[in-house]
C-alpha atoms as a PDB file:
ATOM      1  CA  MET A   1     138.602  35.551-224.965  1.00  0.00           C
ATOM      2  CA  GLN A   2     135.630  34.921-227.235  1.00  0.00           C
ATOM      3  CA  SER A   3     135.135  31.663-229.106  1.00  0.00           C
ATOM      4  CA  SER A   4     131.839  32.592-230.766  1.00  0.00           C
ATOM      5  CA  LEU A   5     130.203  35.659-232.237  1.00  0.00           C
ATOM      6  CA  ASN A   6     126.612  36.820-231.950  1.00  0.00           C
ATOM      7  CA  LEU A   7     126.005  38.116-235.476  1.00  0.00           C
ATOM      8  CA  LYS A   8     123.034  37.788-237.798  1.00  0.00           C
ATOM      9  CA  LEU A   9     124.382  38.262-241.317  1.00  0.00           C
ATOM     10  CA  SER A  10     122.169  38.582-244.374  1.00  0.00           C
ATOM     11  CA  ASP A  11     123.120  36.806-247.636  1.00  0.00           C
ATOM     12  CA  SER A  12     125.461  34.684-245.531  1.00  0.00           C
ATOM     13  CA  ARG A  13     127.768  32.108-247.122  1.00  0.00           C
ATOM     14  CA  VAL A  14     129.753  29.559-245.139  1.00  0.00           C
ATOM     15  CA  SER A  15     132.641  27.466-246.479  1.00  0.00           C
ATOM     16  CA  GLU A  16     132.307  23.690-246.484  1.00  0.00           C
ATOM     17  CA  ASP A  17     134.736  23.332-243.578  1.00  0.00           C
ATOM     18  CA  GLY A  18     132.904  26.032-241.605  1.00  0.00           C
ATOM     19  CA  LYS A  19     136.046  28.148-241.153  1.00  0.00           C
ATOM     20  CA  ARG A  20     134.977  31.078-243.324  1.00  0.00           C
ATOM     21  CA  GLU A  21     131.686  32.946-243.262  1.00  0.00           C
ATOM     22  CA  GLU A  22     130.816  36.099-245.156  1.00  0.00           C
ATOM     23  CA  GLY A  23     127.718  38.242-245.330  1.00  0.00           C
ATOM     24  CA  PHE A  24     126.274  41.639-244.468  1.00  0.00           C
ATOM     25  CA  LEU A  25     124.938  43.601-241.529  1.00  0.00           C
ATOM     26  CA  ASN A  26     121.947  45.509-242.899  1.00  0.00           C
ATOM     27  CA  ILE A  27     121.567  49.081-241.616  1.00  0.00           C
ATOM     28  CA  GLY A  28     118.820  50.724-243.691  1.00  0.00           C
ATOM     29  CA  LEU A  29     116.819  50.264-246.883  1.00  0.00           C
ATOM     30  CA  LYS A  30     117.552  52.748-249.693  1.00  0.00           C
ATOM     31  CA  PRO A  31     114.991  54.137-252.159  1.00  0.00           C
ATOM     32  CA  ASP A  32     116.295  51.858-254.934  1.00  0.00           C
ATOM     33  CA  GLY A  33     115.559  48.767-252.851  1.00  0.00           C
ATOM     34  CA  SER A  34     119.165  48.025-251.950  1.00  0.00           C
ATOM     35  CA  TRP A  35     120.588  48.166-248.415  1.00  0.00           C
ATOM     36  CA  VAL A  36     123.036  50.397-246.630  1.00  0.00           C
ATOM     37  CA  ARG A  37     125.068  47.623-245.075  1.00  0.00           C
ATOM     38  CA  ILE A  38     128.403  46.481-243.723  1.00  0.00           C
ATOM     39  CA  PRO A  39     130.213  43.518-245.344  1.00  0.00           C
ATOM     40  CA  VAL A  40     131.719  41.072-242.857  1.00  0.00           C
ATOM     41  CA  ILE A  41     134.192  38.193-243.200  1.00  0.00           C
ATOM     42  CA  ILE A  42     134.691  35.775-240.297  1.00  0.00           C
ATOM     43  CA  ILE A  43     137.684  33.411-240.317  1.00  0.00           C
ATOM     44  CA  ARG A  44     137.715  30.924-237.430  1.00  0.00           C
ATOM     45  CA  GLY A  45     140.919  29.308-236.203  1.00  0.00           C
ATOM     46  CA  GLN A  46     141.527  25.717-235.174  1.00  0.00           C
ATOM     47  CA  GLU A  47     141.662  26.624-231.467  1.00  0.00           C
ATOM     48  CA  ASP A  48     139.877  29.100-229.218  1.00  0.00           C
ATOM     49  CA  GLY A  49     141.576  32.428-228.747  1.00  0.00           C
ATOM     50  CA  PRO A  50     141.015  36.160-229.030  1.00  0.00           C
ATOM     51  CA  THR A  51     138.865  37.909-231.610  1.00  0.00           C
ATOM     52  CA  LEU A  52     140.784  40.444-233.687  1.00  0.00           C
ATOM     53  CA  LEU A  53     138.638  42.959-235.567  1.00  0.00           C
ATOM     54  CA  VAL A  54     140.146  44.581-238.672  1.00  0.00           C
ATOM     55  CA  ASP A  55     138.412  47.221-240.798  1.00  0.00           C
ATOM     56  CA  ALA A  56     139.155  49.441-243.773  1.00  0.00           C
ATOM     57  CA  CYS A  57     137.457  52.135-245.845  1.00  0.00           C
ATOM     58  CA  THR A  58     135.917  54.096-243.013  1.00  0.00           C
ATOM     59  CA  HIS A  59     136.792  56.773-245.543  1.00  0.00           C
ATOM     60  CA  GLY A  60     135.773  55.470-248.945  1.00  0.00           C
ATOM     61  CA  ASP A  61     138.924  56.592-250.779  1.00  0.00           C
ATOM     62  CA  GLU A  62     141.408  54.708-248.559  1.00  0.00           C
ATOM     63  CA  PHE A  63     141.765  51.297-250.166  1.00  0.00           C
ATOM     64  CA  GLU A  64     145.076  49.720-249.112  1.00  0.00           C
ATOM     65  CA  GLY A  65     143.658  48.179-245.949  1.00  0.00           C
ATOM     66  CA  THR A  66     140.801  46.664-247.950  1.00  0.00           C
ATOM     67  CA  GLU A  67     143.177  44.765-250.210  1.00  0.00           C
ATOM     68  CA  ALA A  68     145.256  43.655-247.218  1.00  0.00           C
ATOM     69  CA  ILE A  69     142.217  42.328-245.347  1.00  0.00           C
ATOM     70  CA  ILE A  70     141.167  40.281-248.379  1.00  0.00           C
ATOM     71  CA  ASP A  71     144.735  38.954-248.691  1.00  0.00           C
ATOM     72  CA  VAL A  72     145.060  37.959-245.025  1.00  0.00           C
ATOM     73  CA  ALA A  73     141.611  36.333-244.957  1.00  0.00           C
ATOM     74  CA  ASP A  74     142.740  34.140-247.880  1.00  0.00           C
ATOM     75  CA  GLN A  75     146.093  33.358-246.246  1.00  0.00           C
ATOM     76  CA  LEU A  76     144.558  32.292-242.946  1.00  0.00           C
ATOM     77  CA  LEU A  77     142.472  29.552-244.566  1.00  0.00           C
ATOM     78  CA  GLY A  78     145.693  27.638-245.152  1.00  0.00           C
ATOM     79  CA  MET A  79     147.246  28.343-241.752  1.00  0.00           C
ATOM     80  CA  ASP A  80     146.866  27.068-238.209  1.00  0.00           C
ATOM     81  CA  PHE A  81     145.886  29.879-235.856  1.00  0.00           C
ATOM     82  CA  LYS A  82     143.995  30.529-232.660  1.00  0.00           C
ATOM     83  CA  GLY A  83     140.927  32.661-232.226  1.00  0.00           C
ATOM     84  CA  THR A  84     138.884  34.542-234.809  1.00  0.00           C
ATOM     85  CA  LEU A  85     139.568  37.181-237.424  1.00  0.00           C
ATOM     86  CA  LEU A  86     136.512  39.430-237.683  1.00  0.00           C
ATOM     87  CA  ALA A  87     137.080  41.436-240.854  1.00  0.00           C
ATOM     88  CA  VAL A  88     135.265  44.378-242.423  1.00  0.00           C
ATOM     89  CA  PRO A  89     136.947  45.043-245.790  1.00  0.00           C
ATOM     90  CA  VAL A  90     134.776  48.102-246.548  1.00  0.00           C
ATOM     91  CA  LEU A  91     133.059  49.775-243.611  1.00  0.00           C
ATOM     92  CA  ASN A  92     131.575  52.683-245.584  1.00  0.00           C
ATOM     93  CA  LEU A  93     130.222  51.022-248.753  1.00  0.00           C
ATOM     94  CA  ASP A  94     128.437  54.040-250.225  1.00  0.00           C
ATOM     95  CA  ALA A  95     131.479  56.269-249.822  1.00  0.00           C
ATOM     96  CA  TYR A  96     133.627  53.459-251.258  1.00  0.00           C
ATOM     97  CA  ALA A  97     131.397  53.115-254.316  1.00  0.00           C
ATOM     98  CA  ALA A  98     131.605  56.886-254.845  1.00  0.00           C
ATOM     99  CA  GLN A  99     135.402  56.820-254.251  1.00  0.00           C
ATOM    100  CA  SER A 100     134.822  59.563-251.701  1.00  0.00           C
ATOM    101  CA  ARG A 101     136.048  60.337-248.204  1.00  0.00           C
ATOM    102  CA  ILE A 102     132.485  61.108-247.111  1.00  0.00           C
ATOM    103  CA  SER A 103     129.091  59.479-247.502  1.00  0.00           C
ATOM    104  CA  SER A 104     127.315  59.918-250.821  1.00  0.00           C
ATOM    105  CA  ILE A 105     124.013  59.830-248.913  1.00  0.00           C
ATOM    106  CA  ASP A 106     124.321  62.418-246.137  1.00  0.00           C
ATOM    107  CA  SER A 107     127.806  63.899-246.863  1.00  0.00           C
ATOM    108  CA  ALA A 108     128.965  62.977-243.344  1.00  0.00           C
ATOM    109  CA  ASN A 109     132.452  61.847-242.324  1.00  0.00           C
ATOM    110  CA  LEU A 110     132.048  58.447-240.649  1.00  0.00           C
ATOM    111  CA  ASN A 111     135.187  58.812-238.536  1.00  0.00           C
ATOM    112  CA  ARG A 112     133.878  61.979-236.909  1.00  0.00           C
ATOM    113  CA  VAL A 113     130.482  60.737-235.701  1.00  0.00           C
ATOM    114  CA  PHE A 114     131.244  57.814-233.347  1.00  0.00           C
ATOM    115  CA  PRO A 115     129.593  56.579-231.132  1.00  0.00           C
ATOM    116  CA  GLY A 116     126.803  57.300-233.603  1.00  0.00           C
ATOM    117  CA  ALA A 117     123.077  56.956-233.004  1.00  0.00           C
ATOM    118  CA  PRO A 118     120.472  54.328-233.934  1.00  0.00           C
ATOM    119  CA  ASP A 119     117.777  56.845-234.929  1.00  0.00           C
ATOM    120  CA  LYS A 120     119.484  59.755-236.706  1.00  0.00           C
ATOM    121  CA  TYR A 121     121.311  60.207-240.053  1.00  0.00           C
ATOM    122  CA  ILE A 122     122.510  57.126-241.885  1.00  0.00           C
ATOM    123  CA  THR A 123     126.237  57.673-241.214  1.00  0.00           C
ATOM    124  CA  GLN A 124     125.476  57.876-237.494  1.00  0.00           C
ATOM    125  CA  ARG A 125     123.518  54.621-237.795  1.00  0.00           C
ATOM    126  CA  ILE A 126     126.482  52.907-239.478  1.00  0.00           C
ATOM    127  CA  ALA A 127     128.762  54.081-236.664  1.00  0.00           C
ATOM    128  CA  TYR A 128     126.301  52.906-233.999  1.00  0.00           C
ATOM    129  CA  SER A 129     125.877  49.470-235.550  1.00  0.00           C
ATOM    130  CA  TYR A 130     129.599  49.013-236.107  1.00  0.00           C
ATOM    131  CA  LEU A 131     130.411  49.971-232.537  1.00  0.00           C
ATOM    132  CA  ASN A 132     127.696  47.895-230.866  1.00  0.00           C
ATOM    133  CA  ASP A 133     127.498  44.874-233.172  1.00  0.00           C
ATOM    134  CA  LEU A 134     131.160  44.419-234.112  1.00  0.00           C
ATOM    135  CA  ILE A 135     133.632  46.403-232.015  1.00  0.00           C
ATOM    136  CA  ALA A 136     131.807  45.333-228.855  1.00  0.00           C
ATOM    137  CA  GLN A 137     132.455  41.673-229.725  1.00  0.00           C
ATOM    138  CA  ALA A 138     136.187  42.105-230.348  1.00  0.00           C
ATOM    139  CA  ASP A 139     139.111  41.698-227.966  1.00  0.00           C
ATOM    140  CA  TYR A 140     141.495  43.782-230.105  1.00  0.00           C
ATOM    141  CA  GLY A 141     141.231  45.890-233.247  1.00  0.00           C
ATOM    142  CA  ILE A 142     143.002  47.444-236.225  1.00  0.00           C
ATOM    143  CA  SER A 143     141.295  50.243-238.177  1.00  0.00           C
ATOM    144  CA  PHE A 144     143.030  51.045-241.475  1.00  0.00           C
ATOM    145  CA  HIS A 145     143.243  54.531-242.925  1.00  0.00           C
ATOM    146  CA  GLY A 146     145.420  56.249-245.513  1.00  0.00           C
ATOM    147  CA  GLY A 147     146.095  59.411-247.470  1.00  0.00           C
ATOM    148  CA  GLY A 148     143.215  58.897-249.883  1.00  0.00           C
ATOM    149  CA  ASP A 149     142.956  61.254-252.843  1.00  0.00           C
ATOM    150  CA  VAL A 150     144.859  64.284-251.581  1.00  0.00           C
ATOM    151  CA  LEU A 151     147.573  63.334-249.061  1.00  0.00           C
ATOM    152  CA  TYR A 152     150.927  61.666-249.462  1.00  0.00           C
ATOM    153  CA  LEU A 153     152.184  60.172-246.211  1.00  0.00           C
ATOM    154  CA  GLU A 154     154.727  57.831-244.763  1.00  0.00           C
ATOM    155  CA  PRO A 155     153.250  54.714-243.124  1.00  0.00           C
ATOM    156  CA  ILE A 156     152.470  55.488-239.492  1.00  0.00           C
ATOM    157  CA  VAL A 157     150.464  53.623-236.834  1.00  0.00           C
ATOM    158  CA  GLY A 158     148.371  55.523-234.315  1.00  0.00           C
ATOM    159  CA  TYR A 159     147.491  54.402-230.800  1.00  0.00           C
ATOM    160  CA  GLN A 160     145.445  56.012-228.047  1.00  0.00           C
ATOM    161  CA  PRO A 161     147.406  56.606-224.828  1.00  0.00           C
ATOM    162  CA  VAL A 162     145.417  55.168-221.949  1.00  0.00           C
ATOM    163  CA  GLU A 163     145.802  55.045-218.189  1.00  0.00           C
ATOM    164  CA  ASP A 164     144.710  51.481-217.498  1.00  0.00           C
ATOM    165  CA  GLU A 165     145.932  47.904-217.879  1.00  0.00           C
ATOM    166  CA  ASN A 166     145.925  48.306-221.667  1.00  0.00           C
ATOM    167  CA  LYS A 167     148.400  51.206-221.576  1.00  0.00           C
ATOM    168  CA  LYS A 168     151.474  49.293-222.710  1.00  0.00           C
ATOM    169  CA  LEU A 169     149.533  46.694-224.696  1.00  0.00           C
ATOM    170  CA  VAL A 170     148.085  49.120-227.243  1.00  0.00           C
ATOM    171  CA  ARG A 171     151.469  50.782-227.745  1.00  0.00           C
ATOM    172  CA  GLU A 172     153.103  47.381-228.280  1.00  0.00           C
ATOM    173  CA  MET A 173     150.448  46.554-230.871  1.00  0.00           C
ATOM    174  CA  ALA A 174     151.397  49.746-232.716  1.00  0.00           C
ATOM    175  CA  LYS A 175     155.104  48.928-232.482  1.00  0.00           C
ATOM    176  CA  VAL A 176     154.895  45.329-233.664  1.00  0.00           C
ATOM    177  CA  PHE A 177     152.724  46.309-236.637  1.00  0.00           C
ATOM    178  CA  GLY A 178     156.051  47.148-238.221  1.00  0.00           C
ATOM    179  CA  THR A 179     156.316  50.763-239.431  1.00  0.00           C
ATOM    180  CA  GLU A 180     159.163  53.188-238.788  1.00  0.00           C
ATOM    181  CA  TYR A 181     156.812  55.756-237.244  1.00  0.00           C
ATOM    182  CA  ILE A 182     154.186  55.261-234.560  1.00  0.00           C
ATOM    183  CA  TRP A 183     151.786  57.998-233.480  1.00  0.00           C
ATOM    184  CA  ARG A 184     150.794  58.688-229.897  1.00  0.00           C
ATOM    185  CA  MET A 185     147.316  60.084-230.537  1.00  0.00           C
ATOM    186  CA  GLN A 186     147.191  62.362-227.480  1.00  0.00           C
ATOM    187  CA  ASN A 187     146.421  65.571-229.341  1.00  0.00           C
ATOM    188  CA  LEU A 188     143.752  64.684-231.915  1.00  0.00           C
ATOM    189  CA  PRO A 189     142.111  67.908-233.158  1.00  0.00           C
ATOM    190  CA  PHE A 190     138.771  66.180-233.751  1.00  0.00           C
ATOM    191  CA  ASP A 191     136.352  63.821-231.988  1.00  0.00           C
ATOM    192  CA  GLY A 192     134.118  60.970-233.099  1.00  0.00           C
ATOM    193  CA  VAL A 193     136.886  58.497-233.979  1.00  0.00           C
ATOM    194  CA  SER A 194     136.158  54.765-233.768  1.00  0.00           C
ATOM    195  CA  ILE A 195     139.284  53.777-231.840  1.00  0.00           C
ATOM    196  CA  ILE A 196     138.492  56.354-229.141  1.00  0.00           C
ATOM    197  CA  GLU A 197     135.139  54.665-228.558  1.00  0.00           C
ATOM    198  CA  ALA A 198     136.857  51.264-228.574  1.00  0.00           C
ATOM    199  CA  ARG A 199     139.250  52.526-225.895  1.00  0.00           C
ATOM    200  CA  LYS A 200     136.305  53.629-223.732  1.00  0.00           C
ATOM    201  CA  ARG A 201     135.071  50.029-223.870  1.00  0.00           C
ATOM    202  CA  GLY A 202     138.486  48.673-222.876  1.00  0.00           C
ATOM    203  CA  ILE A 203     139.240  47.302-226.366  1.00  0.00           C
ATOM    204  CA  PRO A 204     142.832  48.002-227.507  1.00  0.00           C
ATOM    205  CA  MET A 205     142.672  49.248-231.113  1.00  0.00           C
ATOM    206  CA  ILE A 206     145.331  50.771-233.360  1.00  0.00           C
ATOM    207  CA  LEU A 207     144.971  52.974-236.444  1.00  0.00           C
ATOM    208  CA  PRO A 208     147.507  52.497-239.269  1.00  0.00           C
ATOM    209  CA  GLU A 209     147.685  55.282-241.864  1.00  0.00           C
ATOM    210  CA  VAL A 210     149.212  53.617-244.937  1.00  0.00           C
ATOM    211  CA  GLY A 211     149.180  54.536-248.620  1.00  0.00           C
ATOM    212  CA  SER A 212     147.380  56.988-250.878  1.00  0.00           C
ATOM    213  CA  HIS A 213     146.561  57.455-254.544  1.00  0.00           C
ATOM    214  CA  CYS A 214     149.387  59.947-255.038  1.00  0.00           C
ATOM    215  CA  ALA A 215     151.871  57.262-256.092  1.00  0.00           C
ATOM    216  CA  ARG A 216     149.564  54.235-256.288  1.00  0.00           C
ATOM    217  CA  PHE A 217     151.006  52.980-259.574  1.00  0.00           C
ATOM    218  CA  TYR A 218     154.447  52.740-257.961  1.00  0.00           C
ATOM    219  CA  ASP A 219     153.840  51.799-254.336  1.00  0.00           C
ATOM    220  CA  ARG A 220     150.447  50.048-254.179  1.00  0.00           C
ATOM    221  CA  GLU A 221     151.912  46.547-253.735  1.00  0.00           C
ATOM    222  CA  LYS A 222     154.401  47.776-251.129  1.00  0.00           C
ATOM    223  CA  ASN A 223     151.700  49.516-249.086  1.00  0.00           C
ATOM    224  CA  VAL A 224     149.254  46.620-249.274  1.00  0.00           C
ATOM    225  CA  ALA A 225     152.078  44.320-248.098  1.00  0.00           C
ATOM    226  CA  ILE A 226     152.788  46.650-245.150  1.00  0.00           C
ATOM    227  CA  CYS A 227     149.118  46.348-244.139  1.00  0.00           C
ATOM    228  CA  SER A 228     148.970  42.560-244.651  1.00  0.00           C
ATOM    229  CA  ASP A 229     152.202  41.967-242.765  1.00  0.00           C
ATOM    230  CA  GLY A 230     151.012  44.319-240.031  1.00  0.00           C
ATOM    231  CA  ILE A 231     147.877  42.246-239.403  1.00  0.00           C
ATOM    232  CA  LEU A 232     149.923  39.043-239.230  1.00  0.00           C
ATOM    233  CA  ASN A 233     152.510  40.698-236.956  1.00  0.00           C
ATOM    234  CA  VAL A 234     149.790  41.775-234.522  1.00  0.00           C
ATOM    235  CA  MET A 235     148.302  38.273-234.602  1.00  0.00           C
ATOM    236  CA  LYS A 236     151.714  36.838-233.689  1.00  0.00           C
ATOM    237  CA  PHE A 237     152.048  39.328-230.851  1.00  0.00           C
ATOM    238  CA  LEU A 238     148.607  38.342-229.533  1.00  0.00           C
ATOM    239  CA  GLY A 239     149.467  34.643-229.676  1.00  0.00           C
ATOM    240  CA  MET A 240     147.007  33.943-232.495  1.00  0.00           C
ATOM    241  CA  LEU A 241     149.804  32.849-234.840  1.00  0.00           C
ATOM    242  CA  ASN A 242     153.065  31.091-234.076  1.00  0.00           C
ATOM    243  CA  GLY A 243     156.305  33.034-234.312  1.00  0.00           C
ATOM    244  CA  ASP A 244     157.472  36.509-233.447  1.00  0.00           C
ATOM    245  CA  ALA A 245     156.901  39.722-235.327  1.00  0.00           C
ATOM    246  CA  PRO A 246     160.184  41.010-236.818  1.00  0.00           C
ATOM    247  CA  ALA A 247     161.708  43.904-234.890  1.00  0.00           C
ATOM    248  CA  VAL A 248     161.861  47.315-236.555  1.00  0.00           C
ATOM    249  CA  GLU A 249     165.483  48.426-236.416  1.00  0.00           C
ATOM    250  CA  LYS A 250     164.722  52.114-235.981  1.00  0.00           C
ATOM    251  CA  GLN A 251     161.325  53.305-234.772  1.00  0.00           C
ATOM    252  CA  MET A 252     160.169  56.780-233.755  1.00  0.00           C
ATOM    253  CA  ASP A 253     157.315  57.478-231.347  1.00  0.00           C
ATOM    254  CA  THR A 254     155.768  60.737-232.521  1.00  0.00           C
ATOM    255  CA  GLU A 255     152.984  63.227-231.902  1.00  0.00           C
ATOM    256  CA  LEU A 256     151.398  64.086-235.251  1.00  0.00           C
ATOM    257  CA  HIS A 257     150.188  67.604-235.995  1.00  0.00           C
ATOM    258  CA  TYR A 258     148.050  68.802-238.894  1.00  0.00           C
ATOM    259  CA  ILE A 259     149.528  72.046-240.255  1.00  0.00           C
ATOM    260  CA  HIS A 260     146.794  74.098-241.943  1.00  0.00           C
ATOM    261  CA  THR A 261     147.211  76.862-244.506  1.00  0.00           C
ATOM    262  CA  ASP A 262     145.657  80.293-244.095  1.00  0.00           C
ATOM    263  CA  THR A 263     146.036  80.988-247.806  1.00  0.00           C
ATOM    264  CA  GLY A 264     144.709  79.184-250.874  1.00  0.00           C
ATOM    265  CA  GLY A 265     146.526  78.836-254.174  1.00  0.00           C
ATOM    266  CA  ILE A 266     149.044  76.517-255.814  1.00  0.00           C
ATOM    267  CA  HIS A 267     150.637  74.313-253.152  1.00  0.00           C
ATOM    268  CA  VAL A 268     154.362  73.674-253.671  1.00  0.00           C
ATOM    269  CA  PRO A 269     155.697  71.156-251.104  1.00  0.00           C
ATOM    270  CA  LEU A 270     159.391  71.674-250.349  1.00  0.00           C
ATOM    271  CA  LYS A 271     160.169  69.133-247.617  1.00  0.00           C
ATOM    272  CA  LYS A 272     159.862  65.419-248.360  1.00  0.00           C
ATOM    273  CA  PRO A 273     158.429  62.740-246.018  1.00  0.00           C
ATOM    274  CA  GLY A 274     160.944  61.308-243.565  1.00  0.00           C
ATOM    275  CA  VAL A 275     163.035  64.497-243.503  1.00  0.00           C
ATOM    276  CA  MET A 276     163.962  66.067-240.149  1.00  0.00           C
ATOM    277  CA  VAL A 277     163.145  69.784-240.142  1.00  0.00           C
ATOM    278  CA  GLN A 278     164.033  72.541-237.693  1.00  0.00           C
ATOM    279  CA  LYS A 279     161.589  75.091-236.326  1.00  0.00           C
ATOM    280  CA  GLY A 280     161.224  78.033-238.705  1.00  0.00           C
ATOM    281  CA  GLU A 281     162.147  76.183-241.882  1.00  0.00           C
ATOM    282  CA  ILE A 282     159.793  76.464-244.848  1.00  0.00           C
ATOM    283  CA  LEU A 283     157.717  73.352-245.455  1.00  0.00           C
ATOM    284  CA  ALA A 284     155.763  74.590-248.487  1.00  0.00           C
ATOM    285  CA  GLU A 285     155.168  77.665-250.611  1.00  0.00           C
ATOM    286  CA  ILE A 286     151.787  78.964-251.796  1.00  0.00           C
ATOM    287  CA  LYS A 287     151.665  80.756-255.167  1.00  0.00           C
ATOM    288  CA  ASP A 288     148.830  82.319-257.135  1.00  0.00           C
ATOM    289  CA  PHE A 289     147.936  81.435-260.729  1.00  0.00           C
ATOM    290  CA  PHE A 290     150.184  84.241-262.001  1.00  0.00           C
ATOM    291  CA  GLY A 291     153.116  82.563-260.248  1.00  0.00           C
ATOM    292  CA  HIS A 292     153.418  85.216-257.526  1.00  0.00           C
ATOM    293  CA  HIS A 293     154.418  84.185-254.022  1.00  0.00           C
ATOM    294  CA  LEU A 294     151.543  84.373-251.540  1.00  0.00           C
ATOM    295  CA  ALA A 295     152.652  82.607-248.363  1.00  0.00           C
ATOM    296  CA  ASP A 296     154.977  80.077-246.772  1.00  0.00           C
ATOM    297  CA  ILE A 297     154.066  77.161-244.524  1.00  0.00           C
ATOM    298  CA  ILE A 298     156.526  77.279-241.633  1.00  0.00           C
ATOM    299  CA  ALA A 299     157.591  74.423-239.368  1.00  0.00           C
ATOM    300  CA  PRO A 300     156.209  75.345-235.905  1.00  0.00           C
ATOM    301  CA  PHE A 301     158.749  73.141-234.067  1.00  0.00           C
ATOM    302  CA  ASP A 302     161.609  70.735-234.707  1.00  0.00           C
ATOM    303  CA  GLY A 303     160.165  67.548-236.160  1.00  0.00           C
ATOM    304  CA  VAL A 304     159.878  64.990-238.923  1.00  0.00           C
ATOM    305  CA  VAL A 305     157.746  65.249-242.057  1.00  0.00           C
ATOM    306  CA  ILE A 306     155.132  62.483-242.263  1.00  0.00           C
ATOM    307  CA  GLY A 307     153.116  63.736-245.229  1.00  0.00           C
ATOM    308  CA  TYR A 308     151.774  66.637-247.243  1.00  0.00           C
ATOM    309  CA  TRP A 309     148.936  67.859-249.463  1.00  0.00           C
ATOM    310  CA  SER A 310     149.809  66.283-252.797  1.00  0.00           C
ATOM    311  CA  ILE A 311     147.562  67.996-255.333  1.00  0.00           C
ATOM    312  CA  SER A 312     148.305  71.405-256.804  1.00  0.00           C
ATOM    313  CA  VAL A 313     145.345  73.467-255.618  1.00  0.00           C
ATOM    314  CA  ILE A 314     144.858  74.049-251.908  1.00  0.00           C
ATOM    315  CA  ASN A 315     142.123  76.054-250.195  1.00  0.00           C
ATOM    316  CA  PRO A 316     142.436  78.149-247.043  1.00  0.00           C
ATOM    317  CA  GLY A 317     142.007  75.939-244.010  1.00  0.00           C
ATOM    318  CA  ASP A 318     143.150  72.732-245.732  1.00  0.00           C
ATOM    319  CA  TRP A 319     145.928  70.546-244.327  1.00  0.00           C
ATOM    320  CA  SER A 320     149.246  71.462-245.901  1.00  0.00           C
ATOM    321  CA  TYR A 321     151.594  69.184-243.952  1.00  0.00           C
ATOM    322  CA  LEU A 322     151.415  66.291-241.514  1.00  0.00           C
ATOM    323  CA  PHE A 323     154.316  67.068-239.212  1.00  0.00           C
ATOM    324  CA  SER A 324     155.411  65.188-236.088  1.00  0.00           C
ATOM    325  CA  LYS A 325     157.231  65.940-232.898  1.00  0.00           C
ATOM    326  CA  VAL A 326     159.597  63.111-231.971  1.00  0.00           C
ATOM    327  CA  LEU A 327     158.808  62.021-228.419  1.00  0.00           C
ATOM    328  CA  ASP A 328     161.150  60.768-225.744  1.00  0.00           C
ATOM    329  CA  ASP A 329     160.512  57.168-224.752  1.00  0.00           C
ATOM    330  CA  ASP A 330     158.734  58.132-221.538  1.00  0.00           C
ATOM    331  CA  PHE A 331     155.374  56.461-222.103  1.00  0.00           C
END
């Protein structure tokens, strides 16, 4: 358990009672004289306890976690709790400002380059600093993601299966977060993810995927509340807050698969999120701009629909559906 943090923040501001501090970790100076940097909020509890790290906007178009982090940081100032909330509302500021999944500086995807490097491209430097200056000082973590500009998805919380003393702990963190679906991330098709590096350091960290811009006008408040409540639920589970996280009546442990299309065109999703689908059923249809049928996206196994490509035009190789196997409870 860590009662203090070793951080040197620039432009730091501390509240009169000393419970809240905010500032920036500077990474590199840009040509316009401003900094590539990471904003940090520290909320200290009344008693010693664990440090919970929460971050959002690793991808700059995934905002729901950002709003939730701001909300929880405000809530905690009026609450008794143990330990420290170490919060990064926007990890990838330049991508966030550009409303883009990738960096506006080097066009890199931050959540594909961990553990990063201190002496290479700027996105790798952000990853390196975040891992070594922030994740390394945490006891537990939550890294928020979402559907961004192009995906609609049901809220789902990912966790890395591990073979050590944290095996059940990280799964329980995913469960108590409070979504219907949790995601055993044992088959990720890509590397360089922050929670994988956290796992290597023995730091249990979960990855909620919540919200997107596809229906933001209608479900923004609901999705931000899911993220806010999820942080508080995890804090209760970790003993940082009093009380118990509410049980989810029905919860599925799943293995998420990204179903790619071989054919570009107009994407017509046919199966809605939350629907159980049998192997061989058609998930989506691809048409050309004359309206002719080009291809079908077929369910490769029995499973449940988590999300789909939500905009009309899709290119060959893009994700068409996020589709999950439902796992037996044999973890």
